[in-house]
């Protein structure tokens, strides 16, 4: 089946007041994400993955321990990652729902400590990649970071929150200030209702 670029769940300028500009979304969603979708469709045509679901492709083509992943995986995983990323943000972040807040406090000591550790994970990811809040296979919450397009599906985890720390995600608005981008993401952009719904 051919994959398609999903529409943003809000307008291109909906996140501007939260620190993510229309220009960033036009480049990041309309160009970068679209390129992953188009390349994925090209690479799977005529292969065993042609009619597989996105999750099946990500899990089936991931090579644990590989220094570099294959092209099908890279484009499938980045399509999956970005589809989640758009949904994990919103123009009205709101308060953290009680069940999620309680889980964060139980796992990390406080919401402030969770945000500090999540930011540290994103800043500490050398080169391109992602920072994640996941539910691990034991059911507990954990902060992880992954290189390039690798995501929690590859590790048997459930993604609750992910932040793209590839430069194309933040360079227009924050230049090379990745820590400021991550702090702003947590304070002004996360759709906490969406995160809580993934628990």
N, C-alpha and C. Protein backbone atom coordinates (compact mmCIF):
# COMPACT_ATOMS: atom_id res chain seq x y z
N UNK A 1 0.85 -1.19 0.00
CA UNK A 1 0.00 0.00 0.00
C UNK A 1 0.88 1.23 0.00
N UNK A 2 0.43 2.26 -0.65
CA UNK A 2 1.20 3.51 -0.67
C UNK A 2 0.88 4.32 0.57
N UNK A 3 1.92 4.84 1.18
CA UNK A 3 1.73 5.70 2.35
C UNK A 3 1.54 7.14 1.91
N UNK A 4 0.84 7.91 2.71
CA UNK A 4 0.59 9.31 2.40
C UNK A 4 1.03 10.20 3.55
N UNK A 5 1.36 11.43 3.23
CA UNK A 5 1.73 12.40 4.24
C UNK A 5 0.47 12.83 4.98
N UNK A 6 0.40 12.62 6.29
CA UNK A 6 -0.79 13.05 7.03
C UNK A 6 -0.82 14.57 7.14
N UNK A 7 -2.02 15.12 7.13
CA UNK A 7 -2.15 16.56 7.38
C UNK A 7 -1.74 16.86 8.81
N UNK A 8 -1.23 18.06 9.04
CA UNK A 8 -0.99 18.50 10.41
C UNK A 8 -2.33 18.57 11.13
N UNK A 9 -2.36 18.27 12.43
CA UNK A 9 -3.62 18.35 13.17
C UNK A 9 -3.98 19.78 13.58
N UNK A 10 -3.28 20.76 13.02
CA UNK A 10 -3.50 22.19 13.29
C UNK A 10 -2.92 22.96 12.11
N UNK A 11 -3.15 24.24 12.06
CA UNK A 11 -2.63 25.04 10.95
C UNK A 11 -1.12 25.22 11.09
N UNK A 12 -0.48 25.63 10.00
CA UNK A 12 0.97 25.81 10.01
C UNK A 12 1.43 26.90 10.97
N UNK A 13 0.56 27.84 11.28
CA UNK A 13 0.98 28.91 12.19
C UNK A 13 0.41 28.74 13.60
N UNK A 14 -0.22 27.59 13.87
CA UNK A 14 -0.89 27.39 15.16
C UNK A 14 0.08 27.31 16.33
N UNK A 15 1.32 26.91 16.06
CA UNK A 15 2.30 26.74 17.15
C UNK A 15 3.23 27.94 17.29
N UNK A 16 3.02 28.96 16.47
CA UNK A 16 3.94 30.11 16.47
C UNK A 16 4.05 30.78 17.83
N UNK A 17 2.92 30.94 18.51
CA UNK A 17 2.96 31.59 19.81
C UNK A 17 3.69 30.74 20.85
N UNK A 18 3.81 29.43 20.57
CA UNK A 18 4.53 28.53 21.44
C UNK A 18 5.98 28.35 21.07
N UNK A 19 6.42 29.04 20.02
CA UNK A 19 7.84 29.00 19.68
C UNK A 19 8.22 28.16 18.49
N UNK A 20 7.23 27.57 17.78
CA UNK A 20 7.54 26.82 16.55
C UNK A 20 6.86 27.54 15.39
N UNK A 21 7.66 28.15 14.55
CA UNK A 21 7.15 29.05 13.52
C UNK A 21 6.48 28.32 12.36
N UNK A 22 5.70 29.09 11.63
CA UNK A 22 5.09 28.58 10.40
C UNK A 22 6.17 28.09 9.43
N UNK A 23 7.26 28.83 9.33
CA UNK A 23 8.35 28.44 8.41
C UNK A 23 8.91 27.07 8.80
N UNK A 24 9.11 26.83 10.09
CA UNK A 24 9.61 25.54 10.54
C UNK A 24 8.67 24.42 10.12
N UNK A 25 7.37 24.60 10.35
CA UNK A 25 6.42 23.55 9.99
C UNK A 25 6.32 23.36 8.48
N UNK A 26 6.45 24.43 7.73
CA UNK A 26 6.42 24.30 6.27
C UNK A 26 7.61 23.48 5.79
N UNK A 27 8.78 23.71 6.35
CA UNK A 27 9.96 22.94 5.95
C UNK A 27 9.91 21.53 6.54
N UNK A 28 9.61 21.43 7.83
CA UNK A 28 9.71 20.16 8.53
C UNK A 28 8.63 19.17 8.11
N UNK A 29 7.38 19.63 8.09
CA UNK A 29 6.28 18.75 7.69
C UNK A 29 6.18 18.62 6.17
N UNK A 30 6.09 19.75 5.49
CA UNK A 30 5.78 19.74 4.06
C UNK A 30 6.93 19.24 3.20
N UNK A 31 8.17 19.41 3.67
CA UNK A 31 9.32 19.00 2.87
C UNK A 31 10.03 17.77 3.46
N UNK A 32 10.50 17.85 4.70
CA UNK A 32 11.24 16.73 5.29
C UNK A 32 10.36 15.49 5.45
N UNK A 33 9.21 15.64 6.11
CA UNK A 33 8.36 14.48 6.32
C UNK A 33 7.86 13.92 4.98
N UNK A 34 7.49 14.79 4.07
CA UNK A 34 7.03 14.32 2.76
C UNK A 34 8.11 13.54 2.03
N UNK A 35 9.37 13.97 2.17
CA UNK A 35 10.46 13.26 1.51
C UNK A 35 10.61 11.84 2.05
N UNK A 36 10.41 11.67 3.38
CA UNK A 36 10.47 10.32 3.95
C UNK A 36 9.37 9.44 3.37
N UNK A 37 8.16 9.98 3.27
CA UNK A 37 7.02 9.22 2.76
C UNK A 37 7.26 8.83 1.30
N UNK A 38 7.69 9.79 0.49
CA UNK A 38 7.91 9.52 -0.94
C UNK A 38 9.00 8.48 -1.14
N UNK A 39 10.09 8.60 -0.38
CA UNK A 39 11.21 7.65 -0.52
C UNK A 39 10.80 6.27 -0.03
N UNK A 40 10.03 6.21 1.05
CA UNK A 40 9.56 4.92 1.55
C UNK A 40 8.72 4.21 0.49
N UNK A 41 7.79 4.92 -0.12
CA UNK A 41 6.95 4.32 -1.16
C UNK A 41 7.80 3.80 -2.32
N UNK A 42 8.82 4.55 -2.69
CA UNK A 42 9.71 4.14 -3.77
C UNK A 42 10.48 2.86 -3.40
N UNK A 43 10.98 2.82 -2.15
CA UNK A 43 11.83 1.69 -1.74
C UNK A 43 11.07 0.39 -1.52
N UNK A 44 9.81 0.47 -1.09
CA UNK A 44 9.07 -0.77 -0.81
C UNK A 44 8.34 -1.33 -2.03
N UNK A 45 8.26 -0.56 -3.09
CA UNK A 45 7.55 -1.02 -4.29
C UNK A 45 8.17 -2.33 -4.79
N UNK A 46 7.34 -3.35 -4.94
CA UNK A 46 7.81 -4.63 -5.46
C UNK A 46 8.56 -5.49 -4.45
N UNK A 47 8.56 -5.09 -3.18
CA UNK A 47 9.25 -5.88 -2.15
C UNK A 47 8.25 -6.57 -1.24
N UNK A 48 8.75 -7.36 -0.29
CA UNK A 48 7.88 -8.05 0.66
C UNK A 48 7.14 -7.08 1.57
N UNK A 49 7.59 -5.83 1.62
CA UNK A 49 7.00 -4.84 2.51
C UNK A 49 5.93 -3.99 1.84
N UNK A 50 5.67 -4.25 0.58
CA UNK A 50 4.79 -3.38 -0.21
C UNK A 50 3.40 -3.23 0.41
N UNK A 51 2.87 -4.29 1.02
CA UNK A 51 1.52 -4.24 1.58
C UNK A 51 1.50 -4.34 3.10
N UNK A 52 2.66 -4.16 3.72
CA UNK A 52 2.75 -4.25 5.18
C UNK A 52 2.35 -2.93 5.83
N UNK A 53 1.98 -3.01 7.11
CA UNK A 53 1.68 -1.79 7.85
C UNK A 53 2.99 -1.07 8.18
N UNK A 54 2.88 0.18 8.53
CA UNK A 54 4.08 0.96 8.87
C UNK A 54 4.80 0.33 10.06
N UNK A 55 4.05 -0.07 11.08
CA UNK A 55 4.65 -0.67 12.27
C UNK A 55 5.36 -1.98 11.92
N UNK A 56 4.77 -2.77 11.04
CA UNK A 56 5.41 -4.02 10.61
C UNK A 56 6.71 -3.75 9.88
N UNK A 57 6.74 -2.72 9.07
CA UNK A 57 7.96 -2.38 8.33
C UNK A 57 9.05 -1.91 9.29
N UNK A 58 8.68 -1.04 10.23
CA UNK A 58 9.68 -0.54 11.19
C UNK A 58 10.28 -1.69 11.98
N UNK A 59 9.45 -2.54 12.54
CA UNK A 59 9.95 -3.66 13.37
C UNK A 59 10.68 -4.69 12.53
N UNK A 60 10.21 -4.92 11.31
CA UNK A 60 10.78 -5.97 10.47
C UNK A 60 12.08 -5.61 9.79
N UNK A 61 12.35 -4.33 9.64
CA UNK A 61 13.58 -3.93 8.94
C UNK A 61 14.65 -3.37 9.88
N UNK A 62 14.30 -3.19 11.16
CA UNK A 62 15.28 -2.70 12.12
C UNK A 62 16.35 -3.76 12.37
N UNK A 63 17.61 -3.34 12.38
CA UNK A 63 18.73 -4.25 12.63
C UNK A 63 19.40 -3.85 13.94
N UNK A 64 19.11 -4.60 14.99
CA UNK A 64 19.66 -4.30 16.31
C UNK A 64 21.19 -4.38 16.27
N UNK A 65 21.84 -3.35 16.78
CA UNK A 65 23.30 -3.34 16.84
C UNK A 65 23.98 -2.83 15.59
N UNK A 66 23.21 -2.56 14.53
CA UNK A 66 23.83 -2.07 13.29
C UNK A 66 24.30 -0.63 13.47
N UNK A 67 25.45 -0.32 12.93
CA UNK A 67 25.97 1.05 12.99
C UNK A 67 25.10 1.97 12.14
N UNK A 68 24.67 1.47 10.99
CA UNK A 68 23.80 2.24 10.11
C UNK A 68 22.63 1.35 9.69
N UNK A 69 21.43 1.90 9.74
CA UNK A 69 20.25 1.15 9.35
C UNK A 69 20.04 1.23 7.84
N UNK A 70 19.19 0.37 7.33
CA UNK A 70 18.92 0.33 5.89
C UNK A 70 17.92 1.42 5.49
N UNK A 71 17.85 1.68 4.21
CA UNK A 71 17.03 2.77 3.71
C UNK A 71 15.54 2.62 3.97
N UNK A 72 15.01 1.39 3.85
CA UNK A 72 13.59 1.20 4.12
C UNK A 72 13.29 1.54 5.57
N UNK A 73 14.11 1.01 6.49
CA UNK A 73 13.89 1.32 7.90
C UNK A 73 13.96 2.82 8.15
N UNK A 74 15.00 3.47 7.66
CA UNK A 74 15.20 4.89 7.94
C UNK A 74 13.98 5.72 7.55
N UNK A 75 13.44 5.47 6.39
CA UNK A 75 12.30 6.26 5.92
C UNK A 75 11.00 5.85 6.59
N UNK A 76 10.82 4.56 6.85
CA UNK A 76 9.61 4.09 7.55
C UNK A 76 9.59 4.62 8.99
N UNK A 77 10.72 4.51 9.66
CA UNK A 77 10.76 4.94 11.06
C UNK A 77 10.57 6.44 11.19
N UNK A 78 11.16 7.19 10.28
CA UNK A 78 11.00 8.64 10.34
C UNK A 78 9.57 9.06 9.99
N UNK A 79 8.91 8.31 9.12
CA UNK A 79 7.50 8.58 8.84
C UNK A 79 6.68 8.33 10.11
N UNK A 80 6.95 7.21 10.78
CA UNK A 80 6.24 6.90 12.03
C UNK A 80 6.53 7.94 13.10
N UNK A 81 7.82 8.25 13.28
CA UNK A 81 8.22 9.23 14.31
C UNK A 81 7.53 10.56 14.11
N UNK A 82 7.56 11.06 12.89
CA UNK A 82 7.00 12.39 12.64
C UNK A 82 5.48 12.41 12.77
N UNK A 83 4.83 11.33 12.36
CA UNK A 83 3.38 11.26 12.52
C UNK A 83 3.01 11.39 14.00
N UNK A 84 3.78 10.72 14.87
CA UNK A 84 3.54 10.84 16.31
C UNK A 84 3.87 12.25 16.80
N UNK A 85 4.97 12.79 16.33
CA UNK A 85 5.47 14.10 16.78
C UNK A 85 4.43 15.19 16.58
N UNK A 86 3.81 15.24 15.40
CA UNK A 86 2.80 16.28 15.15
C UNK A 86 1.65 16.16 16.14
N UNK A 87 1.25 14.92 16.45
CA UNK A 87 0.12 14.71 17.36
C UNK A 87 0.49 15.01 18.81
N UNK A 88 1.77 14.89 19.14
CA UNK A 88 2.22 15.11 20.51
C UNK A 88 2.35 16.60 20.84
N UNK A 89 2.13 17.45 19.85
CA UNK A 89 2.17 18.90 20.07
C UNK A 89 0.79 19.49 19.82
N UNK A 90 0.58 20.68 20.33
CA UNK A 90 -0.68 21.36 20.10
C UNK A 90 -0.59 22.82 20.46
N UNK A 91 -1.51 23.63 19.95
CA UNK A 91 -1.47 25.08 20.21
C UNK A 91 -1.88 25.47 21.63
N UNK A 92 -2.56 24.57 22.34
CA UNK A 92 -2.99 24.86 23.72
C UNK A 92 -2.55 23.72 24.62
N UNK A 93 -1.28 23.73 25.05
CA UNK A 93 -0.73 22.60 25.80
C UNK A 93 -1.55 22.21 27.02
N UNK A 94 -2.05 23.19 27.76
CA UNK A 94 -2.86 22.89 28.94
C UNK A 94 -2.06 22.26 30.07
N UNK A 95 -2.78 21.86 31.11
CA UNK A 95 -2.16 21.25 32.27
C UNK A 95 -1.91 19.76 32.01
N UNK A 96 -0.94 19.21 32.72
CA UNK A 96 -0.68 17.78 32.63
C UNK A 96 -1.82 17.04 33.36
N UNK A 97 -2.52 16.12 32.70
CA UNK A 97 -3.60 15.38 33.36
C UNK A 97 -3.09 14.66 34.62
N UNK A 98 -4.00 14.51 35.58
CA UNK A 98 -3.62 13.97 36.88
C UNK A 98 -2.96 12.61 36.84
N UNK A 99 -3.47 11.69 35.99
CA UNK A 99 -2.88 10.35 35.94
C UNK A 99 -1.45 10.37 35.42
N UNK A 100 -1.20 11.23 34.43
CA UNK A 100 0.15 11.36 33.88
C UNK A 100 1.06 12.05 34.89
N UNK A 101 0.57 13.10 35.52
CA UNK A 101 1.38 13.80 36.52
C UNK A 101 1.79 12.84 37.65
N UNK A 102 0.86 12.05 38.12
CA UNK A 102 1.17 11.09 39.19
C UNK A 102 2.22 10.08 38.74
N UNK A 103 2.11 9.61 37.51
CA UNK A 103 3.07 8.64 36.99
C UNK A 103 4.46 9.26 36.84
N UNK A 104 4.51 10.52 36.42
CA UNK A 104 5.80 11.21 36.28
C UNK A 104 6.46 11.40 37.65
N UNK A 105 5.66 11.78 38.63
CA UNK A 105 6.19 11.98 39.99
C UNK A 105 6.70 10.66 40.56
N UNK A 106 5.92 9.61 40.34
CA UNK A 106 6.32 8.29 40.85
C UNK A 106 7.63 7.82 40.21
N UNK A 107 7.79 8.09 38.92
CA UNK A 107 8.94 7.57 38.18
C UNK A 107 10.18 8.46 38.28
N UNK A 108 9.98 9.78 38.38
CA UNK A 108 11.12 10.69 38.30
C UNK A 108 11.28 11.61 39.51
N UNK A 109 10.38 11.54 40.46
CA UNK A 109 10.47 12.35 41.67
C UNK A 109 9.61 13.59 41.63
N UNK A 110 9.54 14.24 40.47
CA UNK A 110 8.71 15.42 40.27
C UNK A 110 8.58 15.69 38.79
N UNK A 111 7.62 16.51 38.41
CA UNK A 111 7.48 16.90 37.00
C UNK A 111 8.70 17.68 36.56
N UNK A 112 9.21 18.55 37.44
CA UNK A 112 10.40 19.34 37.12
C UNK A 112 11.61 18.43 36.85
N UNK A 113 11.75 17.38 37.66
CA UNK A 113 12.87 16.45 37.44
C UNK A 113 12.69 15.67 36.14
N UNK A 114 11.44 15.31 35.82
CA UNK A 114 11.18 14.66 34.53
C UNK A 114 11.62 15.56 33.39
N UNK A 115 11.21 16.82 33.43
CA UNK A 115 11.56 17.75 32.35
C UNK A 115 13.07 17.94 32.26
N UNK A 116 13.73 18.00 33.39
CA UNK A 116 15.20 18.16 33.40
C UNK A 116 15.87 16.95 32.75
N UNK A 117 15.43 15.76 33.12
CA UNK A 117 16.04 14.54 32.60
C UNK A 117 15.72 14.34 31.11
N UNK A 118 14.50 14.70 30.71
CA UNK A 118 14.12 14.59 29.30
C UNK A 118 14.99 15.54 28.47
N UNK A 119 15.14 16.77 28.95
CA UNK A 119 15.99 17.75 28.25
C UNK A 119 17.42 17.26 28.16
N UNK A 120 17.93 16.71 29.24
CA UNK A 120 19.30 16.19 29.25
C UNK A 120 19.47 15.06 28.23
N UNK A 121 18.45 14.21 28.10
CA UNK A 121 18.52 13.13 27.12
C UNK A 121 18.60 13.69 25.70
N UNK A 122 17.77 14.69 25.41
CA UNK A 122 17.78 15.29 24.08
C UNK A 122 19.07 16.03 23.78
N UNK A 123 19.57 16.76 24.76
CA UNK A 123 20.84 17.49 24.58
C UNK A 123 21.99 16.50 24.43
N UNK A 124 21.92 15.40 25.17
CA UNK A 124 23.00 14.42 25.18
C UNK A 124 23.01 13.47 24.00
N UNK A 125 21.98 13.53 23.16
CA UNK A 125 21.97 12.68 21.97
C UNK A 125 22.94 13.27 20.95
N UNK A 126 24.08 12.65 20.76
CA UNK A 126 25.08 13.17 19.83
C UNK A 126 24.57 13.06 18.40
N UNK A 127 24.64 14.15 17.68
CA UNK A 127 24.16 14.15 16.30
C UNK A 127 22.64 14.12 16.25
N UNK A 128 22.12 13.52 15.20
CA UNK A 128 20.67 13.50 14.99
C UNK A 128 20.01 12.38 15.77
N UNK A 129 18.76 12.60 16.15
CA UNK A 129 18.01 11.56 16.86
C UNK A 129 16.79 12.10 17.55
N UNK A 130 16.35 11.37 18.58
CA UNK A 130 15.12 11.67 19.28
C UNK A 130 15.28 11.45 20.77
N UNK A 131 14.53 12.22 21.57
CA UNK A 131 14.40 11.97 23.00
C UNK A 131 12.98 11.47 23.23
N UNK A 132 12.83 10.48 24.13
CA UNK A 132 11.54 9.83 24.31
C UNK A 132 11.19 9.66 25.79
N UNK A 133 9.90 9.75 26.08
CA UNK A 133 9.33 9.23 27.31
C UNK A 133 8.57 7.99 26.87
N UNK A 134 8.92 6.83 27.46
CA UNK A 134 8.31 5.57 27.03
C UNK A 134 7.76 4.81 28.22
N UNK A 135 6.85 3.91 27.92
CA UNK A 135 6.47 2.87 28.87
C UNK A 135 7.25 1.64 28.45
N UNK A 136 8.08 1.13 29.35
CA UNK A 136 8.92 0.00 28.99
C UNK A 136 8.17 -1.32 29.09
N UNK A 137 8.85 -2.41 28.76
CA UNK A 137 8.19 -3.72 28.71
C UNK A 137 7.71 -4.20 30.08
N UNK A 138 8.26 -3.61 31.15
CA UNK A 138 7.81 -3.95 32.50
C UNK A 138 6.64 -3.07 32.96
N UNK A 139 6.26 -2.09 32.13
CA UNK A 139 5.14 -1.22 32.46
C UNK A 139 5.54 0.08 33.13
N UNK A 140 6.83 0.27 33.38
CA UNK A 140 7.30 1.50 34.01
C UNK A 140 7.62 2.59 33.01
N UNK A 141 7.72 3.83 33.49
CA UNK A 141 8.09 4.95 32.64
C UNK A 141 9.60 5.12 32.63
N UNK A 142 10.12 5.51 31.47
CA UNK A 142 11.56 5.62 31.29
C UNK A 142 11.84 6.71 30.27
N UNK A 143 12.94 7.43 30.42
CA UNK A 143 13.39 8.40 29.43
C UNK A 143 14.51 7.76 28.64
N UNK A 144 14.40 7.81 27.32
CA UNK A 144 15.42 7.23 26.46
C UNK A 144 15.80 8.23 25.38
N UNK A 145 16.86 7.91 24.67
CA UNK A 145 17.23 8.67 23.48
C UNK A 145 17.64 7.67 22.42
N UNK A 146 17.38 8.00 21.17
CA UNK A 146 17.71 7.10 20.06
C UNK A 146 18.41 7.88 18.97
N UNK A 147 19.28 7.18 18.26
CA UNK A 147 20.01 7.82 17.17
C UNK A 147 19.18 7.81 15.88
N UNK A 148 19.38 8.84 15.09
CA UNK A 148 18.76 8.96 13.77
C UNK A 148 17.25 8.72 13.84
N UNK A 149 16.74 7.67 13.16
CA UNK A 149 15.30 7.44 13.16
C UNK A 149 14.83 6.32 14.06
N UNK A 150 15.74 5.73 14.82
CA UNK A 150 15.37 4.62 15.70
C UNK A 150 14.32 5.10 16.70
N UNK A 151 13.36 4.25 16.99
CA UNK A 151 12.26 4.66 17.86
C UNK A 151 11.87 3.56 18.86
N UNK A 152 10.98 3.85 19.79
CA UNK A 152 10.62 2.86 20.81
C UNK A 152 10.04 1.55 20.27
N UNK A 153 9.42 1.56 19.10
CA UNK A 153 8.91 0.31 18.52
C UNK A 153 10.02 -0.73 18.41
N UNK A 154 11.22 -0.26 18.09
CA UNK A 154 12.36 -1.15 17.89
C UNK A 154 12.79 -1.82 19.18
N UNK A 155 12.46 -1.22 20.30
CA UNK A 155 12.91 -1.69 21.60
C UNK A 155 11.79 -2.36 22.41
N UNK A 156 10.63 -2.55 21.77
CA UNK A 156 9.51 -3.15 22.49
C UNK A 156 8.88 -2.23 23.51
N UNK A 157 8.99 -0.92 23.28
CA UNK A 157 8.46 0.08 24.21
C UNK A 157 7.29 0.82 23.57
N UNK A 158 6.50 1.48 24.41
CA UNK A 158 5.41 2.32 23.93
C UNK A 158 5.81 3.77 24.04
N UNK A 159 5.75 4.49 22.94
CA UNK A 159 6.12 5.91 22.94
C UNK A 159 4.99 6.75 23.53
N UNK A 160 5.30 7.49 24.60
CA UNK A 160 4.32 8.41 25.18
C UNK A 160 4.59 9.83 24.70
N UNK A 161 5.87 10.20 24.60
CA UNK A 161 6.26 11.53 24.15
C UNK A 161 7.60 11.42 23.44
N UNK A 162 7.72 12.09 22.31
CA UNK A 162 8.97 12.11 21.58
C UNK A 162 9.29 13.50 21.10
N UNK A 163 10.56 13.85 21.11
CA UNK A 163 10.99 15.15 20.59
C UNK A 163 12.10 14.95 19.58
N UNK A 164 11.90 15.47 18.42
CA UNK A 164 12.85 15.40 17.31
C UNK A 164 14.01 16.35 17.59
N UNK A 165 15.23 15.81 17.70
CA UNK A 165 16.39 16.68 17.91
C UNK A 165 17.32 16.71 16.70
N UNK A 166 16.78 16.37 15.53
CA UNK A 166 17.50 16.66 14.28
C UNK A 166 17.50 18.18 14.11
N UNK A 167 18.55 18.71 13.54
CA UNK A 167 18.65 20.18 13.43
C UNK A 167 17.51 20.79 12.64
N UNK A 168 16.96 20.06 11.67
CA UNK A 168 15.88 20.66 10.87
C UNK A 168 14.65 20.94 11.72
N UNK A 169 14.56 20.34 12.90
CA UNK A 169 13.41 20.56 13.78
C UNK A 169 13.48 21.89 14.52
N UNK A 170 14.69 22.41 14.70
CA UNK A 170 14.80 23.60 15.55
C UNK A 170 15.67 24.73 15.01
N UNK A 171 16.40 24.50 13.91
CA UNK A 171 17.40 25.48 13.52
C UNK A 171 16.80 26.82 13.07
N UNK A 172 15.66 26.79 12.43
CA UNK A 172 15.04 28.05 11.98
C UNK A 172 14.68 28.93 13.17
N UNK A 173 14.14 28.32 14.22
CA UNK A 173 13.65 29.09 15.36
C UNK A 173 14.68 29.27 16.47
N UNK A 174 15.57 28.30 16.64
CA UNK A 174 16.49 28.34 17.77
C UNK A 174 17.96 28.28 17.37
N UNK A 175 18.22 28.30 16.06
CA UNK A 175 19.58 28.16 15.56
C UNK A 175 20.22 26.90 16.18
N UNK A 176 21.37 27.00 16.81
CA UNK A 176 22.02 25.80 17.33
C UNK A 176 21.73 25.57 18.82
N UNK A 177 20.75 26.27 19.38
CA UNK A 177 20.46 26.19 20.82
C UNK A 177 19.50 25.04 21.11
N UNK A 178 19.99 23.82 21.01
CA UNK A 178 19.14 22.65 21.26
C UNK A 178 18.54 22.64 22.66
N UNK A 179 19.30 23.01 23.71
CA UNK A 179 18.69 23.01 25.05
C UNK A 179 17.48 23.94 25.15
N UNK A 180 17.57 25.13 24.56
CA UNK A 180 16.44 26.07 24.59
C UNK A 180 15.24 25.50 23.85
N UNK A 181 15.50 24.85 22.72
CA UNK A 181 14.44 24.22 21.94
C UNK A 181 13.72 23.16 22.76
N UNK A 182 14.47 22.30 23.44
CA UNK A 182 13.87 21.25 24.24
C UNK A 182 13.08 21.81 25.42
N UNK A 183 13.63 22.81 26.09
CA UNK A 183 12.93 23.43 27.21
C UNK A 183 11.63 24.07 26.75
N UNK A 184 11.69 24.74 25.60
CA UNK A 184 10.49 25.37 25.05
C UNK A 184 9.46 24.33 24.63
N UNK A 185 9.93 23.23 24.05
CA UNK A 185 9.04 22.13 23.65
C UNK A 185 8.22 21.65 24.85
N UNK A 186 8.89 21.42 25.97
CA UNK A 186 8.21 20.90 27.16
C UNK A 186 7.29 21.93 27.80
N UNK A 187 7.67 23.18 27.75
CA UNK A 187 6.88 24.22 28.42
C UNK A 187 5.72 24.73 27.58
N UNK A 188 5.90 24.76 26.25
CA UNK A 188 4.94 25.50 25.42
C UNK A 188 4.30 24.72 24.27
N UNK A 189 4.78 23.51 23.98
CA UNK A 189 4.31 22.84 22.77
C UNK A 189 3.66 21.48 22.99
N UNK A 190 3.99 20.79 24.07
CA UNK A 190 3.49 19.43 24.27
C UNK A 190 1.98 19.42 24.51
N UNK A 191 1.29 18.54 23.80
CA UNK A 191 -0.13 18.29 24.01
C UNK A 191 -0.22 17.20 25.08
N UNK A 192 -0.31 17.59 26.34
CA UNK A 192 -0.24 16.63 27.44
C UNK A 192 -1.42 15.67 27.45
N UNK A 193 -2.57 16.10 26.94
CA UNK A 193 -3.71 15.19 26.84
C UNK A 193 -3.38 14.02 25.91
N UNK A 194 -2.70 14.33 24.82
CA UNK A 194 -2.30 13.28 23.87
C UNK A 194 -1.31 12.33 24.54
N UNK A 195 -0.35 12.88 25.27
CA UNK A 195 0.63 12.04 25.96
C UNK A 195 -0.08 11.12 26.96
N UNK A 196 -0.99 11.67 27.74
CA UNK A 196 -1.71 10.88 28.73
C UNK A 196 -2.54 9.79 28.07
N UNK A 197 -3.09 10.07 26.89
CA UNK A 197 -3.94 9.08 26.21
C UNK A 197 -3.16 7.87 25.75
N UNK A 198 -1.83 8.00 25.66
CA UNK A 198 -0.99 6.89 25.20
C UNK A 198 -0.63 5.93 26.33
N UNK A 199 -0.97 6.31 27.56
CA UNK A 199 -0.62 5.46 28.70
C UNK A 199 -1.51 4.23 28.77
